[in-house]
């Protein structure tokens, strides 16, 4: 293997890839040679990412999709197969969190939306893609973007944390079910990353300092720092890694000062 990170000839499908972590992953997978399917709810936002990939010599397809709709997910998979003939890399990045507060106060519809989008949609999509990976006999890589919220308790993000912990279990189960076909499934659990999704935690310098005071690196992470881990998991560099959750949080979980 001359280049452990070479993705030439691979096809990657990335949900929630019009901005933030998903966008960074899409761009970096393309930079390493993959053909990338850019997907989120709004086609216009996806086209901007696809245009950036193409401007840098890559190949990209835009397929808008609402991940909470099973039919749209199947259409996303079908469009990818029709255009590129295969899916080698699946990145389940899209997620929601419509509620911030104690678990006792979360409305049922908000709880259901979190579970639907963050767990069930990933379950659906992974099981739409894995059989095709298996049938080709060339293996594949499934990457689910979880969160450190799935590893700790929270007084304000309880339902979100539950969904992210479930994603870790989903990756483990997929790894066991499809491992014989050389399909690997892993989670990335980011800490605080500078995205619109976490804007409330980093836009104010005082809040950002408080939020990262327990991080060994004493700073917020960047989307590209998650993208690099995704490239590793998608490539031959991660060929013996499956069923794992990689915590990428600047040392927050291991630092006693955060306790």
Protein backbone atom coordinates (compact mmCIF):
# COMPACT_ATOMS: atom_id res chain seq x y z
CA UNK A 1 0.00 0.00 0.00
CA UNK A 2 1.89 3.01 -1.29
CA UNK A 3 -0.58 5.53 0.09
CA UNK A 4 -2.65 4.43 3.07
CA UNK A 5 -4.99 7.38 2.62
CA UNK A 6 -5.62 7.06 -1.12
CA UNK A 7 -9.35 6.91 -1.92
CA UNK A 8 -9.06 6.93 -5.70
CA UNK A 9 -11.91 5.03 -7.33
CA UNK A 10 -14.00 5.04 -4.17
CA UNK A 11 -17.51 6.48 -3.91
CA UNK A 12 -18.50 8.27 -0.70
CA UNK A 13 -21.98 9.29 0.38
CA UNK A 14 -22.02 11.95 3.11
CA UNK A 15 -25.24 13.13 4.75
CA UNK A 16 -25.51 16.60 6.22
CA UNK A 17 -22.59 17.66 4.05
CA UNK A 18 -23.59 21.19 3.10
CA UNK A 19 -21.87 22.74 6.10
CA UNK A 20 -19.82 22.13 9.23
CA UNK A 21 -18.29 18.74 9.89
CA UNK A 22 -20.12 17.10 6.98
CA UNK A 23 -18.83 19.69 4.52
CA UNK A 24 -15.27 19.28 5.77
CA UNK A 25 -15.50 15.51 5.44
CA UNK A 26 -16.89 15.73 1.91
CA UNK A 27 -14.12 18.08 0.81
CA UNK A 28 -11.34 15.99 2.34
CA UNK A 29 -12.65 12.68 1.00
CA UNK A 30 -12.72 14.27 -2.45
CA UNK A 31 -9.22 15.66 -1.97
CA UNK A 32 -8.01 12.10 -1.33
CA UNK A 33 -9.60 10.86 -4.54
CA UNK A 34 -13.15 9.80 -3.70
CA UNK A 35 -16.19 10.65 -5.78
CA UNK A 36 -18.52 12.32 -3.31
CA UNK A 37 -22.29 12.50 -3.02
CA UNK A 38 -23.17 15.72 -1.21
CA UNK A 39 -26.51 15.58 0.56
CA UNK A 40 -28.62 17.69 2.88
CA UNK A 41 -32.13 19.12 2.76
CA UNK A 42 -31.32 22.13 0.57
CA UNK A 43 -29.96 21.54 -2.92
CA UNK A 44 -28.55 25.06 -3.26
CA UNK A 45 -26.35 24.67 -0.19
CA UNK A 46 -25.15 21.28 -1.43
CA UNK A 47 -24.32 22.69 -4.86
CA UNK A 48 -21.87 25.14 -3.28
CA UNK A 49 -19.93 22.27 -1.72
CA UNK A 50 -20.07 20.24 -4.93
CA UNK A 51 -18.81 23.24 -6.90
CA UNK A 52 -15.84 23.56 -4.54
CA UNK A 53 -15.02 19.88 -5.03
CA UNK A 54 -15.22 20.22 -8.81
CA UNK A 55 -13.12 23.39 -8.83
CA UNK A 56 -10.37 21.39 -7.14
CA UNK A 57 -10.51 18.61 -9.72
CA UNK A 58 -12.86 16.25 -7.91
CA UNK A 59 -16.15 14.65 -8.87
CA UNK A 60 -19.36 15.32 -6.95
CA UNK A 61 -23.07 14.58 -7.17
CA UNK A 62 -25.79 16.52 -5.33
CA UNK A 63 -28.81 14.62 -4.02
CA UNK A 64 -31.03 16.58 -1.61
CA UNK A 65 -32.54 14.45 1.15
CA UNK A 66 -34.49 14.78 4.38
CA UNK A 67 -33.03 11.97 6.48
CA UNK A 68 -36.23 11.55 8.49
CA UNK A 69 -38.02 10.32 5.34
CA UNK A 70 -37.25 6.67 4.54
CA UNK A 71 -38.33 7.02 0.91
CA UNK A 72 -35.97 9.96 0.42
CA UNK A 73 -33.10 7.97 1.95
CA UNK A 74 -33.76 5.13 -0.47
CA UNK A 75 -33.88 7.62 -3.34
CA UNK A 76 -30.51 8.97 -2.17
CA UNK A 77 -28.99 5.50 -2.25
CA UNK A 78 -30.59 4.71 -5.61
CA UNK A 79 -29.36 7.95 -7.21
CA UNK A 80 -25.83 7.26 -5.99
CA UNK A 81 -25.91 3.74 -7.38
CA UNK A 82 -27.33 4.91 -10.71
CA UNK A 83 -24.66 7.58 -11.14
CA UNK A 84 -21.56 5.91 -9.72
CA UNK A 85 -22.55 2.23 -9.59
CA UNK A 86 -21.45 1.67 -6.01
CA UNK A 87 -21.04 3.05 -2.51
CA UNK A 88 -17.74 2.31 -0.76
CA UNK A 89 -17.91 4.86 2.04
CA UNK A 90 -20.99 5.96 3.96
CA UNK A 91 -20.77 8.86 6.39
CA UNK A 92 -23.88 9.37 8.53
CA UNK A 93 -23.32 12.92 9.71
CA UNK A 94 -26.74 14.60 9.61
CA UNK A 95 -28.35 15.02 13.03
CA UNK A 96 -30.73 17.29 14.93
CA UNK A 97 -31.18 18.68 18.41
CA UNK A 98 -34.37 20.75 18.68
CA UNK A 99 -34.40 20.88 22.48
CA UNK A 100 -32.02 22.27 25.10
CA UNK A 101 -33.13 21.70 28.67
CA UNK A 102 -33.86 19.10 31.37
CA UNK A 103 -35.19 15.73 30.23
CA UNK A 104 -38.32 16.16 32.32
CA UNK A 105 -39.38 19.07 30.14
CA UNK A 106 -38.76 17.73 26.65
CA UNK A 107 -41.93 17.56 24.52
CA UNK A 108 -42.70 14.14 23.06
CA UNK A 109 -42.46 15.46 19.51
CA UNK A 110 -38.95 16.83 20.14
CA UNK A 111 -37.82 13.56 21.73
CA UNK A 112 -39.28 11.57 18.83
CA UNK A 113 -37.58 13.84 16.27
CA UNK A 114 -34.19 13.36 17.91
CA UNK A 115 -34.56 9.59 17.96
CA UNK A 116 -35.95 9.50 14.43
CA UNK A 117 -33.20 11.59 12.84
CA UNK A 118 -30.20 10.60 14.95
CA UNK A 119 -30.84 6.86 15.32
CA UNK A 120 -33.56 5.42 13.12
CA UNK A 121 -32.43 7.29 10.00
CA UNK A 122 -28.88 6.03 10.47
CA UNK A 123 -30.21 2.51 11.01
CA UNK A 124 -32.22 2.74 7.81
CA UNK A 125 -29.43 4.20 5.70
CA UNK A 126 -26.71 1.83 6.89
CA UNK A 127 -28.90 -1.17 6.14
CA UNK A 128 -29.76 0.21 2.71
CA UNK A 129 -26.07 0.53 1.85
CA UNK A 130 -24.37 -2.43 3.56
CA UNK A 131 -25.96 -5.21 1.43
CA UNK A 132 -24.61 -3.61 -1.74
CA UNK A 133 -21.16 -3.28 -0.21
CA UNK A 134 -21.31 -6.95 0.73
CA UNK A 135 -22.52 -8.10 -2.69
CA UNK A 136 -19.57 -6.45 -4.45
CA UNK A 137 -17.12 -8.33 -2.24
CA UNK A 138 -14.80 -5.35 -1.87
CA UNK A 139 -15.70 -4.36 1.68
CA UNK A 140 -16.56 -0.84 2.71
CA UNK A 141 -16.50 1.71 5.49
CA UNK A 142 -19.45 3.06 7.47
CA UNK A 143 -18.73 6.11 9.62
CA UNK A 144 -21.30 7.51 12.03
CA UNK A 145 -20.69 10.94 13.53
CA UNK A 146 -21.67 10.60 17.17
CA UNK A 147 -20.66 12.93 20.02
CA UNK A 148 -18.94 12.95 23.39
CA UNK A 149 -22.48 13.63 24.58
CA UNK A 150 -23.07 9.92 24.13
CA UNK A 151 -20.43 9.14 26.76
CA UNK A 152 -21.42 11.52 29.55
CA UNK A 153 -24.53 12.62 31.38
CA UNK A 154 -26.04 16.06 30.82
CA UNK A 155 -28.66 18.13 32.57
CA UNK A 156 -29.51 19.98 29.34
CA UNK A 157 -28.78 17.62 26.44
CA UNK A 158 -30.09 14.32 27.75
CA UNK A 159 -32.12 13.14 24.76
CA UNK A 160 -29.37 14.15 22.34
CA UNK A 161 -26.85 12.19 24.43
CA UNK A 162 -29.11 9.13 24.41
CA UNK A 163 -29.30 9.26 20.62
CA UNK A 164 -25.53 9.59 20.28
CA UNK A 165 -24.90 6.69 22.65
CA UNK A 166 -27.26 4.61 20.53
CA UNK A 167 -25.23 5.49 17.43
CA UNK A 168 -22.18 3.95 19.10
CA UNK A 169 -24.13 0.75 19.72
CA UNK A 170 -25.36 0.83 16.12
CA UNK A 171 -21.78 0.95 14.84
CA UNK A 172 -20.77 -1.98 17.05
CA UNK A 173 -23.69 -4.08 15.85
CA UNK A 174 -23.03 -3.26 12.20
CA UNK A 175 -19.36 -4.16 12.67
CA UNK A 176 -20.33 -7.60 13.96
CA UNK A 177 -23.08 -8.24 11.41
CA UNK A 178 -21.08 -7.22 8.34
CA UNK A 179 -17.49 -7.86 9.39
CA UNK A 180 -17.20 -11.11 7.47
CA UNK A 181 -17.84 -9.06 4.32
CA UNK A 182 -14.95 -6.77 5.30
CA UNK A 183 -17.34 -3.90 5.97
CA UNK A 184 -16.08 -1.77 8.82
CA UNK A 185 -18.34 0.41 10.97
CA UNK A 186 -17.06 3.02 13.40
CA UNK A 187 -18.15 6.17 15.20
CA UNK A 188 -16.39 9.47 15.63
CA UNK A 189 -17.34 11.28 18.84
CA UNK A 190 -16.35 14.95 18.50
CA UNK A 191 -16.04 17.30 21.41
CA UNK A 192 -16.79 21.00 20.94
CA UNK A 193 -16.25 21.84 17.27
CA UNK A 194 -16.58 25.26 15.62
CA UNK A 195 -19.77 24.68 13.63
CA UNK A 196 -23.12 26.42 13.32
CA UNK A 197 -24.63 23.49 15.24
CA UNK A 198 -22.58 24.46 18.32
CA UNK A 199 -22.50 28.22 17.71
CA UNK A 200 -24.06 29.06 21.09
CA UNK A 201 -21.10 27.42 22.82
CA UNK A 202 -18.28 29.15 20.96
CA UNK A 203 -19.52 32.47 19.60
CA UNK A 204 -19.14 34.18 22.98
CA UNK A 205 -15.45 34.05 24.02
CA UNK A 206 -16.31 33.73 27.71
CA UNK A 207 -18.67 30.81 27.10
CA UNK A 208 -16.13 29.17 24.79
CA UNK A 209 -13.40 29.48 27.41
CA UNK A 210 -15.66 27.92 30.02
CA UNK A 211 -16.70 25.13 27.68
CA UNK A 212 -13.12 24.19 26.84
CA UNK A 213 -11.44 24.81 30.20
CA UNK A 214 -11.19 21.08 30.83
CA UNK A 215 -9.76 20.31 27.39
CA UNK A 216 -6.09 19.33 27.52
CA UNK A 217 -5.49 21.40 24.38
CA UNK A 218 -7.43 24.36 25.83
CA UNK A 219 -9.15 25.21 22.57
CA UNK A 220 -12.15 24.45 20.40
CA UNK A 221 -11.82 21.98 17.54
CA UNK A 222 -12.19 22.69 13.83
CA UNK A 223 -14.33 20.69 11.36
CA UNK A 224 -11.21 19.70 9.43
CA UNK A 225 -9.88 17.97 12.53
CA UNK A 226 -12.84 15.61 12.39
CA UNK A 227 -12.52 15.25 8.62
CA UNK A 228 -8.97 13.93 8.99
CA UNK A 229 -10.18 11.13 11.23
CA UNK A 230 -12.96 10.32 8.75
CA UNK A 231 -10.41 10.02 5.92
CA UNK A 232 -8.40 7.59 8.04
CA UNK A 233 -11.46 5.46 8.79
CA UNK A 234 -12.51 5.47 5.14
CA UNK A 235 -9.11 4.46 3.82
CA UNK A 236 -6.68 1.57 4.10
CA UNK A 237 -5.13 3.38 7.04
CA UNK A 238 -8.10 2.18 9.09
CA UNK A 239 -8.48 -1.25 7.50
CA UNK A 240 -8.25 -3.20 10.79
CA UNK A 241 -10.36 -0.81 12.84
CA UNK A 242 -14.04 -1.59 13.32
CA UNK A 243 -16.78 -1.35 15.94
CA UNK A 244 -15.00 1.48 17.71
CA UNK A 245 -15.82 4.99 18.86
CA UNK A 246 -12.94 7.41 18.36
CA UNK A 247 -13.19 10.37 20.74
CA UNK A 248 -11.84 13.53 19.10
CA UNK A 249 -12.21 16.19 21.77
CA UNK A 250 -8.90 17.89 22.43
CA UNK A 251 -8.36 15.78 25.53
CA UNK A 252 -11.55 16.72 27.33
CA UNK A 253 -12.58 13.21 28.35
CA UNK A 254 -9.16 12.28 29.74
CA UNK A 255 -8.38 15.46 31.68
CA UNK A 256 -9.06 15.40 35.43
CA UNK A 257 -9.51 19.18 35.30
CA UNK A 258 -12.75 18.63 33.42
CA UNK A 259 -14.25 16.64 36.30
